[in-house]
Amino acid sequence: MALKPGFENKRQLYLLTTLCAIILVAGGWEIYNYFFSSPTVSRAVPVATPKPIPSAGSGQTAPTSTAPDAEKLASVSNAGLDPTLHLGKLILAEQVQYAGSGRNIFSADSAPIHIEQPIRPARPNGNTAAATPVPTGPPPPPQPPAIDLKYFGYSQSKDKSIKAFFVHGDDIFMARSGDIVDHRYKVGAIMPGSVQVTDLSFNNTQTLPLSAN
């Protein structure tokens, strides 16, 4: 069965009108609730449910009451507060001025504070440590280093001349009196128990004993 074009247009118009009416009613109800209705807040007050008191012959003790104390609740209230502004007390508080008894550090004309002198010295015996004298003049010259040669033996030839043997690190030297060892040390008098060696870098002469090792 074919529908007429006019009937289909009227059906769509009816649906659109009904939808608009529903939207208007719902929106009006929300606006009314928002502006004209006040929300009510309800608080649930806990009520203590009394428990049955057991009989004397049951052997159980009666529970104690847990109801809130009315006096404690009354002490928390704001009934005793006085909201009145006392102008007289406020004026007295504003007129208080600070007046110190000491020296004013912000004034150049203020007299210095008198400092009491100690009755006795901090040390009961009155003795104080003598000040250490500060040495004056140029510093003394540095001490020359020790000669690190080791004299460990000697040999004597047919002409009675003596040769000394020295160790310097891993090097072994043999020298007569007057020879220079390692370009720095000059050998002096050689004796069986000791030898004199001069360090040419510092012009320092030392006696080296004979070392068995």
Protein backbone atom coordinates (compact mmCIF):
# COMPACT_ATOMS: atom_id res chain seq x y z
CA MET A 1 0.00 0.00 0.00
CA ALA A 2 1.57 3.31 -1.00
CA LEU A 3 1.52 6.29 1.42
CA LYS A 4 0.73 9.73 0.25
CA PRO A 5 3.54 12.28 0.44
CA GLY A 6 1.50 14.64 2.60
CA PHE A 7 0.84 11.97 5.25
CA GLU A 8 4.55 11.18 5.66
CA ASN A 9 5.41 14.88 6.18
CA LYS A 10 2.70 15.23 8.85
CA ARG A 11 4.02 12.20 10.71
CA GLN A 12 7.53 13.66 10.87
CA LEU A 13 6.10 16.99 12.03
CA TYR A 14 4.19 15.28 14.86
CA LEU A 15 7.29 13.43 16.03
CA LEU A 16 9.40 16.59 16.00
CA THR A 17 6.73 18.52 17.93
CA THR A 18 6.45 15.77 20.57
CA LEU A 19 10.26 15.64 21.00
CA CYS A 20 10.48 19.43 21.43
CA ALA A 21 7.71 19.36 24.03
CA ILE A 22 9.50 16.67 26.04
CA ILE A 23 12.75 18.66 25.94
CA LEU A 24 11.02 21.86 27.10
CA VAL A 25 9.27 20.11 30.00
CA ALA A 26 12.49 18.45 31.18
CA GLY A 27 14.49 21.68 30.92
CA GLY A 28 11.83 23.68 32.77
CA TRP A 29 11.81 21.13 35.58
CA GLU A 30 15.58 21.28 35.98
CA ILE A 31 15.56 25.10 36.03
CA TYR A 32 12.78 25.10 38.62
CA ASN A 33 14.70 22.71 40.87
CA TYR A 34 17.91 24.72 40.52
CA PHE A 35 16.47 28.19 41.34
CA PHE A 36 13.37 27.60 43.46
CA SER A 37 14.07 24.52 45.52
CA SER A 38 16.54 24.50 48.50
CA PRO A 39 18.45 21.33 49.23
CA THR A 40 17.81 19.83 52.58
CA VAL A 41 20.61 18.14 54.46
CA SER A 42 19.65 15.49 56.83
CA ARG A 43 22.00 14.15 59.39
CA ALA A 44 21.65 10.76 60.81
CA VAL A 45 21.91 10.89 64.61
CA PRO A 46 23.12 7.63 66.00
CA VAL A 47 20.80 6.32 68.64
CA ALA A 48 22.18 3.96 71.18
CA THR A 49 20.16 0.81 71.22
CA PRO A 50 19.71 -0.36 74.79
CA LYS A 51 20.89 -3.84 75.40
CA PRO A 52 18.82 -6.17 77.52
CA ILE A 53 19.95 -6.37 81.11
CA PRO A 54 20.70 -9.93 82.04
CA SER A 55 19.12 -11.42 85.07
CA ALA A 56 20.98 -11.75 88.35
CA GLY A 57 21.15 -15.46 88.06
CA SER A 58 22.78 -15.53 84.61
CA GLY A 59 26.26 -14.69 85.98
CA GLN A 60 26.85 -11.71 83.61
CA THR A 61 27.42 -8.07 84.56
CA ALA A 62 25.24 -5.29 83.18
CA PRO A 63 26.94 -3.14 80.46
CA THR A 64 27.76 0.47 81.33
CA SER A 65 26.02 3.34 79.55
CA THR A 66 27.89 4.90 76.57
CA ALA A 67 25.64 7.98 76.15
CA PRO A 68 27.55 11.28 75.57
CA ASP A 69 28.04 13.53 78.57
CA ALA A 70 25.83 16.65 78.34
CA GLU A 71 28.28 18.79 80.34
CA LYS A 72 31.15 18.11 77.91
CA LEU A 73 28.98 19.02 74.95
CA ALA A 74 27.92 22.29 76.64
CA SER A 75 31.57 23.30 77.27
CA VAL A 76 32.34 23.13 73.52
CA SER A 77 29.62 25.64 72.59
CA ASN A 78 30.32 29.33 71.82
CA ALA A 79 27.77 30.66 74.31
CA GLY A 80 30.44 32.19 76.59
CA LEU A 81 32.22 34.23 73.88
CA ASP A 82 31.83 38.03 73.94
CA PRO A 83 31.87 39.50 70.40
CA THR A 84 31.83 43.10 71.67
CA LEU A 85 34.79 45.30 70.59
CA HIS A 86 36.22 47.14 73.63
CA LEU A 87 37.62 50.39 72.23
CA GLY A 88 39.04 51.53 75.57
CA LYS A 89 41.34 48.53 75.88
CA LEU A 90 42.36 48.93 72.24
CA ILE A 91 43.38 52.58 72.79
CA LEU A 92 45.44 51.64 75.86
CA ALA A 93 47.28 48.99 73.86
CA GLU A 94 48.12 51.49 71.10
CA GLN A 95 49.55 54.02 73.58
CA VAL A 96 52.16 51.65 74.96
CA GLN A 97 55.69 52.84 74.08
CA TYR A 98 58.88 50.84 74.30
CA ALA A 99 61.52 52.41 76.53
CA GLY A 100 64.64 50.34 76.96
CA SER A 101 67.11 50.85 79.79
CA GLY A 102 70.24 50.22 77.73
CA ARG A 103 72.10 52.14 75.04
CA ASN A 104 70.32 53.20 71.86
CA ILE A 105 72.46 51.72 69.09
CA PHE A 106 70.73 53.95 66.50
CA SER A 107 71.80 57.22 68.20
CA ALA A 108 75.32 58.67 68.04
CA ASP A 109 74.70 60.80 71.18
CA SER A 110 73.81 57.87 73.38
CA ALA A 111 76.23 57.28 76.26
CA PRO A 112 78.12 53.97 76.25
CA ILE A 113 77.08 51.29 78.68
CA HIS A 114 79.25 50.89 81.74
CA ILE A 115 80.87 47.46 81.74
CA GLU A 116 81.68 46.04 85.13
CA GLN A 117 85.32 45.08 85.65
CA PRO A 118 86.03 41.51 86.82
CA ILE A 119 86.71 41.13 90.52
CA ARG A 120 89.61 38.74 89.95
CA PRO A 121 91.46 37.38 86.93
CA ALA A 122 90.25 34.33 85.06
CA ARG A 123 93.36 32.40 86.19
CA PRO A 124 93.43 32.00 89.96
CA ASN A 125 97.24 32.08 90.21
CA GLY A 126 97.50 35.09 87.92
CA ASN A 127 100.15 33.43 85.76
CA THR A 128 99.85 33.78 82.04
CA ALA A 129 101.73 31.80 79.46
CA ALA A 130 104.67 33.69 78.08
CA ALA A 131 104.39 34.61 74.47
CA THR A 132 106.57 32.56 72.18
CA PRO A 133 109.22 34.81 70.63
CA VAL A 134 108.94 35.10 66.89
CA PRO A 135 112.28 34.52 65.18
CA THR A 136 113.51 37.44 63.12
CA GLY A 137 115.95 37.59 60.25
CA PRO A 138 116.34 35.50 57.13
CA PRO A 139 115.46 31.80 57.32
CA PRO A 140 118.35 29.38 57.76
CA PRO A 141 119.66 27.65 54.65
CA PRO A 142 118.21 24.21 53.93
CA GLN A 143 120.14 21.21 55.15
CA PRO A 144 121.93 19.28 52.40
CA PRO A 145 120.57 15.81 51.69
CA ALA A 146 122.38 12.71 52.85
CA ILE A 147 124.74 11.06 50.38
CA ASP A 148 123.02 7.89 49.19
CA LEU A 149 126.23 6.05 48.24
CA LYS A 150 127.03 2.85 50.11
CA TYR A 151 130.68 1.98 50.86
CA PHE A 152 130.75 -1.81 50.92
CA GLY A 153 134.45 -2.75 50.39
CA TYR A 154 137.94 -1.89 49.16
CA SER A 155 140.99 -3.42 47.48
CA GLN A 156 144.68 -2.67 47.95
CA SER A 157 147.24 -2.94 45.14
CA LYS A 158 150.97 -3.71 45.33
CA ASP A 159 151.83 -0.05 45.61
CA LYS A 160 149.68 0.21 48.76
CA SER A 161 147.00 2.30 46.98
CA ILE A 162 143.39 1.60 48.02
CA LYS A 163 140.37 1.47 45.76
CA ALA A 164 136.90 1.82 47.28
CA PHE A 165 133.74 0.11 46.03
CA PHE A 166 130.42 1.95 46.10
CA VAL A 167 126.82 0.99 45.35
CA HIS A 168 124.29 3.56 44.08
CA GLY A 169 120.98 1.88 43.37
CA ASP A 170 121.73 -0.92 40.88
CA ASP A 171 125.10 0.60 39.83
CA ILE A 172 128.49 -0.39 41.30
CA PHE A 173 131.44 2.04 41.19
CA MET A 174 135.17 1.60 41.92
CA ALA A 175 137.16 4.75 42.65
CA ARG A 176 140.48 5.93 44.12
CA SER A 177 140.95 9.00 46.27
CA GLY A 178 140.28 12.09 44.12
CA ASP A 179 137.97 10.36 41.61
CA ILE A 180 134.40 11.56 40.92
CA VAL A 181 131.61 9.01 41.10
CA ASP A 182 128.33 9.36 39.19
CA HIS A 183 129.32 12.87 38.00
CA ARG A 184 128.51 14.27 41.44
CA TYR A 185 130.41 12.66 44.33
CA LYS A 186 134.15 13.22 44.86
CA VAL A 187 136.01 10.52 46.79
CA GLY A 188 138.35 11.77 49.55
CA ALA A 189 140.45 9.84 52.03
CA ILE A 190 139.86 6.10 51.84
CA MET A 191 140.36 4.02 54.98
CA PRO A 192 139.52 0.38 55.64
CA GLY A 193 136.60 1.30 57.95
CA SER A 194 135.31 4.49 56.29
CA VAL A 195 135.66 6.88 53.36
CA GLN A 196 135.11 10.61 52.94
CA VAL A 197 132.83 11.67 50.07
CA THR A 198 132.00 15.25 49.01
CA ASP A 199 128.66 16.08 47.35
CA LEU A 200 129.69 18.65 44.72
CA SER A 201 126.10 19.89 44.26
CA PHE A 202 125.94 21.18 47.85
CA ASN A 203 129.68 21.26 48.71
CA ASN A 204 128.94 18.93 51.59
CA THR A 205 131.47 16.37 52.86
CA GLN A 206 130.29 13.30 54.75
CA THR A 207 132.01 10.22 56.11
CA LEU A 208 130.50 6.94 54.89
CA PRO A 209 131.13 3.91 57.12
CA LEU A 210 131.94 0.49 55.75
CA SER A 211 128.70 -1.47 55.26
CA ALA A 212 128.72 -5.24 55.29
CA ASN A 213 125.52 -5.51 53.19
